[in-house]
Amino acid sequence: MSVSTQSLNPPTMKLGVCYYPEHWLENLRAKDAHLMAEACLSQVRIGQFAWSRIEPEPSQFNWASLDQSIELTLSDFYITTYAR
């Protein structure tokens, strides 16, 4: 029995990083995104500890920083804003 190499589609491994843009200067975010792409990272998890900045007061939301981070970084995101 022979196996054609065309039928073999090995899964690709995706590498990612946890990134906390709220802890860095805004002017570093574009460089950080470039470095992530240069390192062949394809996923980024952001916002894990940013909820207090996203909702500084009850029912008052500020998505600007998170939106900027998403625009600058990679295509696959895991946004987890569960910690305050």
C-alpha atoms as a PDB file:
ATOM      1  CA  MET A   1       0.000   0.000   0.000  1.00  0.00           C
ATOM      2  CA  SER A   2       1.464   3.343  -0.961  1.00  0.00           C
ATOM      3  CA  VAL A   3       0.536   6.736   0.373  1.00  0.00           C
ATOM      4  CA  SER A   4       0.648   9.805  -1.807  1.00  0.00           C
ATOM      5  CA  THR A   5       2.431  12.755  -0.225  1.00  0.00           C
ATOM      6  CA  GLN A   6      -0.318  14.958  -1.634  1.00  0.00           C
ATOM      7  CA  SER A   7      -2.845  13.245   0.639  1.00  0.00           C
ATOM      8  CA  LEU A   8      -0.784  13.999   3.737  1.00  0.00           C
ATOM      9  CA  ASN A   9      -1.810  17.305   5.253  1.00  0.00           C
ATOM     10  CA  PRO A  10      -0.027  17.562   8.557  1.00  0.00           C
ATOM     11  CA  PRO A  11      -1.665  19.938  11.006  1.00  0.00           C
ATOM     12  CA  THR A  12       0.051  23.232  11.485  1.00  0.00           C
ATOM     13  CA  MET A  13       0.984  24.403  14.923  1.00  0.00           C
ATOM     14  CA  LYS A  14      -0.130  27.881  15.866  1.00  0.00           C
ATOM     15  CA  LEU A  15       2.002  29.779  18.324  1.00  0.00           C
ATOM     16  CA  GLY A  16       0.697  32.622  20.407  1.00  0.00           C
ATOM     17  CA  VAL A  17       1.409  34.921  23.270  1.00  0.00           C
ATOM     18  CA  CYS A  18      -0.337  36.565  26.193  1.00  0.00           C
ATOM     19  CA  TYR A  19       0.001  40.313  25.739  1.00  0.00           C
ATOM     20  CA  TYR A  20      -0.936  43.018  28.219  1.00  0.00           C
ATOM     21  CA  PRO A  21      -0.918  46.286  26.233  1.00  0.00           C
ATOM     22  CA  GLU A  22      -2.356  48.205  29.179  1.00  0.00           C
ATOM     23  CA  HIS A  23       0.990  47.735  30.954  1.00  0.00           C
ATOM     24  CA  TRP A  24       3.057  49.231  28.140  1.00  0.00           C
ATOM     25  CA  LEU A  25       3.372  52.680  26.628  1.00  0.00           C
ATOM     26  CA  GLU A  26       1.016  53.236  23.698  1.00  0.00           C
ATOM     27  CA  ASN A  27       3.872  54.110  21.362  1.00  0.00           C
ATOM     28  CA  LEU A  28       5.375  50.616  21.886  1.00  0.00           C
ATOM     29  CA  ARG A  29       2.305  48.666  20.772  1.00  0.00           C
ATOM     30  CA  ALA A  30       2.979  48.886  17.032  1.00  0.00           C
ATOM     31  CA  LYS A  31       6.565  47.701  17.564  1.00  0.00           C
ATOM     32  CA  ASP A  32       5.332  44.878  19.795  1.00  0.00           C
ATOM     33  CA  ALA A  33       2.885  43.779  17.086  1.00  0.00           C
ATOM     34  CA  HIS A  34       5.684  43.837  14.509  1.00  0.00           C
ATOM     35  CA  LEU A  35       7.912  41.732  16.768  1.00  0.00           C
ATOM     36  CA  MET A  36       5.101  39.218  17.328  1.00  0.00           C
ATOM     37  CA  ALA A  37       4.608  38.846  13.574  1.00  0.00           C
ATOM     38  CA  GLU A  38       8.359  38.600  13.029  1.00  0.00           C
ATOM     39  CA  ALA A  39       8.470  35.775  15.588  1.00  0.00           C
ATOM     40  CA  CYS A  40       5.783  33.940  13.520  1.00  0.00           C
ATOM     41  CA  LEU A  41       3.191  34.189  16.279  1.00  0.00           C
ATOM     42  CA  SER A  42      -0.310  33.762  14.927  1.00  0.00           C
ATOM     43  CA  GLN A  43      -2.458  34.273  18.034  1.00  0.00           C
ATOM     44  CA  VAL A  44      -2.564  36.712  20.899  1.00  0.00           C
ATOM     45  CA  ARG A  45      -4.593  36.733  24.083  1.00  0.00           C
ATOM     46  CA  ILE A  46      -5.271  40.230  25.357  1.00  0.00           C
ATOM     47  CA  GLY A  47      -7.468  41.958  27.894  1.00  0.00           C
ATOM     48  CA  GLN A  48      -7.138  39.366  30.625  1.00  0.00           C
ATOM     49  CA  PHE A  49      -6.587  41.937  33.363  1.00  0.00           C
ATOM     50  CA  ALA A  50      -7.926  45.031  31.602  1.00  0.00           C
ATOM     51  CA  TRP A  51     -11.578  45.044  32.638  1.00  0.00           C
ATOM     52  CA  SER A  52     -11.087  47.816  35.204  1.00  0.00           C
ATOM     53  CA  ARG A  53      -9.857  50.004  32.327  1.00  0.00           C
ATOM     54  CA  ILE A  54     -12.603  48.901  29.947  1.00  0.00           C
ATOM     55  CA  GLU A  55     -15.348  49.542  32.520  1.00  0.00           C
ATOM     56  CA  PRO A  56     -13.909  52.125  34.942  1.00  0.00           C
ATOM     57  CA  GLU A  57     -17.390  52.865  36.345  1.00  0.00           C
ATOM     58  CA  PRO A  58     -20.485  50.662  36.254  1.00  0.00           C
ATOM     59  CA  SER A  59     -22.049  50.760  32.770  1.00  0.00           C
ATOM     60  CA  GLN A  60     -19.387  53.179  31.445  1.00  0.00           C
ATOM     61  CA  PHE A  61     -17.280  51.437  28.833  1.00  0.00           C
ATOM     62  CA  ASN A  62     -14.106  52.589  27.128  1.00  0.00           C
ATOM     63  CA  TRP A  63     -13.050  50.215  24.347  1.00  0.00           C
ATOM     64  CA  ALA A  64     -10.481  52.523  22.706  1.00  0.00           C
ATOM     65  CA  SER A  65      -7.333  50.882  24.057  1.00  0.00           C
ATOM     66  CA  LEU A  66      -8.572  47.367  23.343  1.00  0.00           C
ATOM     67  CA  ASP A  67      -9.696  48.364  19.840  1.00  0.00           C
ATOM     68  CA  GLN A  68      -6.279  49.863  19.118  1.00  0.00           C
ATOM     69  CA  SER A  69      -4.515  46.723  20.287  1.00  0.00           C
ATOM     70  CA  ILE A  70      -6.708  44.539  18.082  1.00  0.00           C
ATOM     71  CA  GLU A  71      -6.064  46.735  15.042  1.00  0.00           C
ATOM     72  CA  LEU A  72      -2.311  46.606  15.563  1.00  0.00           C
ATOM     73  CA  THR A  73      -1.769  42.967  16.354  1.00  0.00           C
ATOM     74  CA  LEU A  74      -2.622  39.637  14.849  1.00  0.00           C
ATOM     75  CA  SER A  75      -5.736  38.094  13.377  1.00  0.00           C
ATOM     76  CA  ASP A  76      -6.615  35.464  16.018  1.00  0.00           C
ATOM     77  CA  PHE A  77      -7.578  36.789  19.411  1.00  0.00           C
ATOM     78  CA  TYR A  78      -8.579  35.338  22.717  1.00  0.00           C
ATOM     79  CA  ILE A  79      -9.943  38.252  24.664  1.00  0.00           C
ATOM     80  CA  THR A  80     -10.540  37.287  28.250  1.00  0.00           C
ATOM     81  CA  THR A  81     -11.634  40.143  30.460  1.00  0.00           C
ATOM     82  CA  TYR A  82     -12.544  38.231  33.561  1.00  0.00           C
ATOM     83  CA  ALA A  83     -10.107  39.658  36.108  1.00  0.00           C
ATOM     84  CA  ARG A  84     -10.643  42.994  37.784  1.00  0.00           C
END
